[in-house]
Amino acid sequence: MYNTPERSQTLAQEQRNALSMKSAFNYQSEIDYLNIKALQIGPMTILCPKCHAKKWKDETSGLCCANGKVVLQQFEDLPELIKSLIDNSHTLSKHFFDNSRRGIILCFK
């Protein structure tokens, strides 16, 4: 399909509509969800005081552990390779994240 001005306008409208619709349930592969500012939720910088779960800035308090009512076992430490990929200290971290995002998006196609 050719990228005409009309098609570009249609895609822009679909991107705006994706924000108001339940876009997780109406996935459209031609929409670049990663670059829609309203869908970018930022890093997980908040720690729950009860269970120490990492949370996003505006995430509901208590969502992770019901304010301490649910106690889960601690996870085992991640292997060093996975830790280094996630914390960006590995030379392949960028490649890892670029391909992880692509893989997640492909799950919804």
N, C-alpha and C. Protein backbone atom coordinates (compact mmCIF):
# COMPACT_ATOMS: atom_id res chain seq x y z
N MET A 1 0.85 -1.17 0.00
CA MET A 1 0.00 0.00 0.00
C MET A 1 0.89 1.24 0.00
N TYR A 2 0.56 2.21 -0.84
CA TYR A 2 1.37 3.42 -0.96
C TYR A 2 1.02 4.40 0.14
N ASN A 3 2.02 5.18 0.54
CA ASN A 3 1.81 6.17 1.59
C ASN A 3 1.38 7.49 0.96
N THR A 4 0.10 7.65 0.77
CA THR A 4 -0.46 8.87 0.19
C THR A 4 -0.83 9.82 1.31
N PRO A 5 -1.05 11.10 1.01
CA PRO A 5 -1.49 12.04 2.06
C PRO A 5 -2.77 11.57 2.75
N GLU A 6 -3.68 10.98 1.97
CA GLU A 6 -4.93 10.49 2.56
C GLU A 6 -4.65 9.33 3.51
N ARG A 7 -3.75 8.44 3.10
CA ARG A 7 -3.40 7.29 3.95
C ARG A 7 -2.71 7.76 5.22
N SER A 8 -1.82 8.74 5.09
CA SER A 8 -1.13 9.29 6.26
C SER A 8 -2.14 9.91 7.23
N GLN A 9 -3.11 10.61 6.68
CA GLN A 9 -4.14 11.23 7.52
C GLN A 9 -4.98 10.16 8.21
N THR A 10 -5.30 9.11 7.48
CA THR A 10 -6.07 8.01 8.05
C THR A 10 -5.29 7.33 9.18
N LEU A 11 -4.00 7.08 8.96
CA LEU A 11 -3.18 6.46 10.01
C LEU A 11 -3.09 7.36 11.23
N ALA A 12 -2.93 8.66 11.02
CA ALA A 12 -2.87 9.60 12.15
C ALA A 12 -4.16 9.56 12.95
N GLN A 13 -5.30 9.50 12.26
CA GLN A 13 -6.59 9.43 12.94
C GLN A 13 -6.71 8.11 13.70
N GLU A 14 -6.25 7.02 13.09
CA GLU A 14 -6.31 5.72 13.76
C GLU A 14 -5.45 5.72 15.02
N GLN A 15 -4.30 6.40 14.97
CA GLN A 15 -3.46 6.49 16.16
C GLN A 15 -4.18 7.25 17.27
N ARG A 16 -4.84 8.34 16.91
CA ARG A 16 -5.59 9.09 17.92
C ARG A 16 -6.73 8.24 18.48
N ASN A 17 -7.41 7.53 17.60
CA ASN A 17 -8.51 6.68 18.05
C ASN A 17 -8.03 5.54 18.94
N ALA A 18 -6.83 5.05 18.69
CA ALA A 18 -6.29 3.94 19.48
C ALA A 18 -6.16 4.32 20.94
N LEU A 19 -5.96 5.60 21.20
CA LEU A 19 -5.83 6.05 22.58
C LEU A 19 -7.16 5.98 23.32
N SER A 20 -8.25 6.25 22.62
CA SER A 20 -9.54 6.27 23.28
C SER A 20 -10.23 4.91 23.27
N MET A 21 -9.88 4.06 22.33
CA MET A 21 -10.45 2.71 22.29
C MET A 21 -9.60 1.79 23.16
N LYS A 22 -10.07 0.64 23.39
CA LYS A 22 -9.29 -0.34 24.13
C LYS A 22 -8.26 -0.92 23.18
N SER A 23 -7.18 -0.17 22.98
CA SER A 23 -6.22 -0.52 21.94
C SER A 23 -5.55 -1.87 22.19
N ALA A 24 -5.46 -2.31 23.41
CA ALA A 24 -4.86 -3.63 23.66
C ALA A 24 -5.71 -4.74 23.04
N PHE A 25 -7.00 -4.47 22.89
CA PHE A 25 -7.89 -5.48 22.33
C PHE A 25 -8.21 -5.22 20.85
N ASN A 26 -7.72 -4.11 20.32
CA ASN A 26 -7.94 -3.75 18.92
C ASN A 26 -6.61 -3.44 18.27
N TYR A 27 -5.62 -4.29 18.45
CA TYR A 27 -4.27 -4.04 17.94
C TYR A 27 -4.28 -3.91 16.42
N GLN A 28 -3.59 -2.87 15.94
CA GLN A 28 -3.45 -2.66 14.50
C GLN A 28 -1.96 -2.54 14.20
N SER A 29 -1.45 -3.46 13.41
CA SER A 29 -0.01 -3.54 13.18
C SER A 29 0.57 -2.30 12.52
N GLU A 30 -0.23 -1.54 11.78
CA GLU A 30 0.32 -0.36 11.12
C GLU A 30 0.47 0.85 12.05
N ILE A 31 -0.04 0.77 13.26
CA ILE A 31 0.11 1.86 14.22
C ILE A 31 1.40 1.64 15.01
N ASP A 32 2.21 2.68 15.10
CA ASP A 32 3.48 2.62 15.82
C ASP A 32 3.23 3.00 17.29
N TYR A 33 2.77 2.04 18.08
CA TYR A 33 2.39 2.30 19.46
C TYR A 33 3.55 2.80 20.31
N LEU A 34 4.78 2.35 19.99
CA LEU A 34 5.94 2.75 20.79
C LEU A 34 6.20 4.25 20.73
N ASN A 35 5.74 4.91 19.69
CA ASN A 35 6.00 6.34 19.54
C ASN A 35 4.79 7.22 19.83
N ILE A 36 3.75 6.68 20.43
CA ILE A 36 2.60 7.48 20.83
C ILE A 36 2.85 7.94 22.26
N LYS A 37 3.08 9.24 22.42
CA LYS A 37 3.50 9.80 23.70
C LYS A 37 2.53 9.45 24.84
N ALA A 38 1.24 9.49 24.58
CA ALA A 38 0.25 9.21 25.62
C ALA A 38 0.33 7.78 26.14
N LEU A 39 0.96 6.89 25.39
CA LEU A 39 1.07 5.49 25.82
C LEU A 39 2.40 5.20 26.51
N GLN A 40 3.28 6.17 26.58
CA GLN A 40 4.58 5.98 27.22
C GLN A 40 4.42 6.24 28.71
N ILE A 41 4.64 5.21 29.51
CA ILE A 41 4.38 5.31 30.94
C ILE A 41 5.64 5.51 31.77
N GLY A 42 6.79 5.54 31.13
CA GLY A 42 8.02 5.84 31.84
C GLY A 42 8.59 4.66 32.60
N PRO A 43 9.67 4.93 33.36
CA PRO A 43 10.34 3.86 34.10
C PRO A 43 9.61 3.52 35.40
N MET A 44 9.91 2.35 35.90
CA MET A 44 9.35 1.92 37.18
C MET A 44 10.29 2.42 38.28
N THR A 45 9.96 3.57 38.85
CA THR A 45 10.85 4.21 39.82
C THR A 45 10.31 4.17 41.25
N ILE A 46 9.11 3.68 41.44
CA ILE A 46 8.48 3.65 42.77
C ILE A 46 8.59 2.23 43.33
N LEU A 47 8.93 2.12 44.61
CA LEU A 47 8.95 0.82 45.28
C LEU A 47 7.81 0.75 46.28
N CYS A 48 7.08 -0.36 46.27
CA CYS A 48 6.03 -0.57 47.26
C CYS A 48 6.69 -0.70 48.63
N PRO A 49 6.22 0.03 49.65
CA PRO A 49 6.83 -0.06 50.97
C PRO A 49 6.61 -1.41 51.66
N LYS A 50 5.62 -2.17 51.21
CA LYS A 50 5.32 -3.47 51.84
C LYS A 50 6.08 -4.62 51.18
N CYS A 51 5.98 -4.73 49.85
CA CYS A 51 6.57 -5.90 49.17
C CYS A 51 7.77 -5.53 48.30
N HIS A 52 8.06 -4.25 48.20
CA HIS A 52 9.20 -3.73 47.43
C HIS A 52 9.09 -3.99 45.93
N ALA A 53 7.87 -4.18 45.45
CA ALA A 53 7.67 -4.32 44.00
C ALA A 53 7.97 -2.99 43.32
N LYS A 54 8.56 -3.07 42.14
CA LYS A 54 8.78 -1.86 41.35
C LYS A 54 7.47 -1.48 40.68
N LYS A 55 7.17 -0.16 40.73
CA LYS A 55 5.90 0.30 40.19
C LYS A 55 6.11 1.57 39.37
N TRP A 56 5.13 1.86 38.51
CA TRP A 56 5.16 3.11 37.75
C TRP A 56 4.64 4.24 38.62
N LYS A 57 4.97 5.45 38.23
CA LYS A 57 4.64 6.65 39.00
C LYS A 57 3.16 6.73 39.37
N ASP A 58 2.27 6.49 38.45
CA ASP A 58 0.84 6.66 38.70
C ASP A 58 0.10 5.35 38.97
N GLU A 59 0.84 4.29 39.24
CA GLU A 59 0.21 2.99 39.49
C GLU A 59 -0.50 3.01 40.85
N THR A 60 -1.64 2.37 40.91
CA THR A 60 -2.44 2.32 42.13
C THR A 60 -1.64 1.69 43.27
N SER A 61 -1.69 2.34 44.43
CA SER A 61 -0.99 1.76 45.59
C SER A 61 -1.75 0.51 46.03
N GLY A 62 -1.02 -0.48 46.46
CA GLY A 62 -1.64 -1.72 46.92
C GLY A 62 -1.99 -2.70 45.83
N LEU A 63 -1.81 -2.31 44.58
CA LEU A 63 -2.15 -3.21 43.47
C LEU A 63 -1.28 -4.46 43.49
N CYS A 64 -0.05 -4.32 43.92
CA CYS A 64 0.90 -5.44 43.88
C CYS A 64 0.63 -6.46 44.99
N CYS A 65 0.41 -6.01 46.20
CA CYS A 65 0.31 -6.95 47.34
C CYS A 65 -0.89 -6.66 48.25
N ALA A 66 -1.83 -5.86 47.77
CA ALA A 66 -3.00 -5.49 48.57
C ALA A 66 -2.57 -4.88 49.90
N ASN A 67 -1.59 -3.98 49.82
CA ASN A 67 -1.06 -3.28 51.01
C ASN A 67 -0.56 -4.25 52.08
N GLY A 68 0.16 -5.27 51.66
CA GLY A 68 0.77 -6.21 52.60
C GLY A 68 -0.07 -7.42 52.94
N LYS A 69 -1.29 -7.51 52.43
CA LYS A 69 -2.15 -8.65 52.74
C LYS A 69 -1.72 -9.92 52.01
N VAL A 70 -1.05 -9.75 50.87
CA VAL A 70 -0.56 -10.89 50.11
C VAL A 70 0.96 -10.92 50.23
N VAL A 71 1.49 -12.03 50.70
CA VAL A 71 2.94 -12.16 50.86
C VAL A 71 3.43 -13.26 49.93
N LEU A 72 4.27 -12.87 49.00
CA LEU A 72 4.82 -13.82 48.03
C LEU A 72 6.25 -14.17 48.40
N GLN A 73 6.68 -15.36 48.00
CA GLN A 73 8.08 -15.74 48.20
C GLN A 73 8.96 -14.86 47.33
N GLN A 74 10.16 -14.60 47.81
CA GLN A 74 11.11 -13.82 47.03
C GLN A 74 11.56 -14.64 45.82
N PHE A 75 11.75 -13.95 44.70
CA PHE A 75 12.29 -14.61 43.52
C PHE A 75 13.76 -14.91 43.75
N GLU A 76 14.23 -15.97 43.11
CA GLU A 76 15.66 -16.23 43.12
C GLU A 76 16.34 -15.14 42.31
N ASP A 77 17.61 -14.87 42.62
CA ASP A 77 18.35 -13.88 41.86
C ASP A 77 18.44 -14.31 40.40
N LEU A 78 18.38 -13.31 39.53
CA LEU A 78 18.54 -13.59 38.10
C LEU A 78 19.98 -13.97 37.80
N PRO A 79 20.19 -14.78 36.78
CA PRO A 79 21.57 -15.05 36.35
C PRO A 79 22.26 -13.74 35.97
N GLU A 80 23.56 -13.67 36.16
CA GLU A 80 24.31 -12.44 35.90
C GLU A 80 24.13 -11.93 34.47
N LEU A 81 24.05 -12.84 33.51
CA LEU A 81 23.87 -12.41 32.12
C LEU A 81 22.57 -11.63 31.96
N ILE A 82 21.48 -12.17 32.51
CA ILE A 82 20.18 -11.49 32.39
C ILE A 82 20.22 -10.15 33.14
N LYS A 83 20.80 -10.14 34.34
CA LYS A 83 20.92 -8.87 35.09
C LYS A 83 21.65 -7.82 34.27
N SER A 84 22.77 -8.21 33.68
CA SER A 84 23.57 -7.24 32.93
C SER A 84 22.85 -6.77 31.66
N LEU A 85 22.05 -7.62 31.05
CA LEU A 85 21.27 -7.19 29.89
C LEU A 85 20.20 -6.19 30.31
N ILE A 86 19.56 -6.43 31.42
CA ILE A 86 18.48 -5.56 31.89
C ILE A 86 18.99 -4.23 32.41
N ASP A 87 20.12 -4.23 33.12
CA ASP A 87 20.60 -2.96 33.70
C ASP A 87 21.52 -2.18 32.76
N ASN A 88 21.55 -2.57 31.50
CA ASN A 88 22.31 -1.87 30.45
C ASN A 88 23.82 -1.90 30.65
N SER A 89 24.33 -2.82 31.43
CA SER A 89 25.78 -2.90 31.60
C SER A 89 26.43 -3.87 30.61
N HIS A 90 25.63 -4.59 29.85
CA HIS A 90 26.14 -5.53 28.86
C HIS A 90 26.20 -4.85 27.50
N THR A 91 27.18 -5.22 26.69
CA THR A 91 27.32 -4.60 25.37
C THR A 91 26.14 -4.91 24.45
N LEU A 92 25.40 -5.96 24.73
CA LEU A 92 24.25 -6.33 23.89
C LEU A 92 22.91 -5.88 24.47
N SER A 93 22.93 -5.03 25.51
CA SER A 93 21.68 -4.60 26.14
C SER A 93 20.73 -3.94 25.16
N LYS A 94 21.24 -3.03 24.35
CA LYS A 94 20.36 -2.33 23.39
C LYS A 94 19.72 -3.34 22.44
N HIS A 95 20.51 -4.26 21.92
CA HIS A 95 19.99 -5.29 21.02
C HIS A 95 18.92 -6.13 21.75
N PHE A 96 19.19 -6.47 23.00
CA PHE A 96 18.26 -7.26 23.80
C PHE A 96 16.91 -6.54 23.93
N PHE A 97 16.94 -5.26 24.31
CA PHE A 97 15.69 -4.52 24.50
C PHE A 97 14.98 -4.26 23.18
N ASP A 98 15.71 -3.92 22.14
CA ASP A 98 15.09 -3.70 20.83
C ASP A 98 14.33 -4.94 20.38
N ASN A 99 14.93 -6.09 20.56
CA ASN A 99 14.30 -7.33 20.12
C ASN A 99 13.24 -7.82 21.09
N SER A 100 13.38 -7.51 22.37
CA SER A 100 12.35 -7.88 23.35
C SER A 100 11.06 -7.15 23.04
N ARG A 101 11.17 -5.84 22.76
CA ARG A 101 9.98 -5.05 22.43
C ARG A 101 9.31 -5.60 21.18
N ARG A 102 10.10 -5.90 20.19
CA ARG A 102 9.56 -6.42 18.93
C ARG A 102 8.83 -7.74 19.21
N GLY A 103 9.41 -8.58 20.05
CA GLY A 103 8.79 -9.86 20.37
C GLY A 103 7.47 -9.69 21.11
N ILE A 104 7.41 -8.73 22.01
CA ILE A 104 6.17 -8.47 22.74
C ILE A 104 5.09 -7.99 21.79
N ILE A 105 5.45 -7.08 20.89
CA ILE A 105 4.48 -6.57 19.93
C ILE A 105 3.98 -7.69 19.02
N LEU A 106 4.86 -8.58 18.62
CA LEU A 106 4.46 -9.68 17.75
C LEU A 106 3.45 -10.61 18.43
N CYS A 107 3.47 -10.66 19.75
CA CYS A 107 2.51 -11.49 20.48
C CYS A 107 1.07 -11.04 20.25
N PHE A 108 0.88 -9.76 19.91
CA PHE A 108 -0.46 -9.22 19.75
C PHE A 108 -0.93 -9.20 18.30
N LYS A 109 -0.09 -9.67 17.39
CA LYS A 109 -0.50 -9.67 15.97
C LYS A 109 -1.40 -10.83 15.67
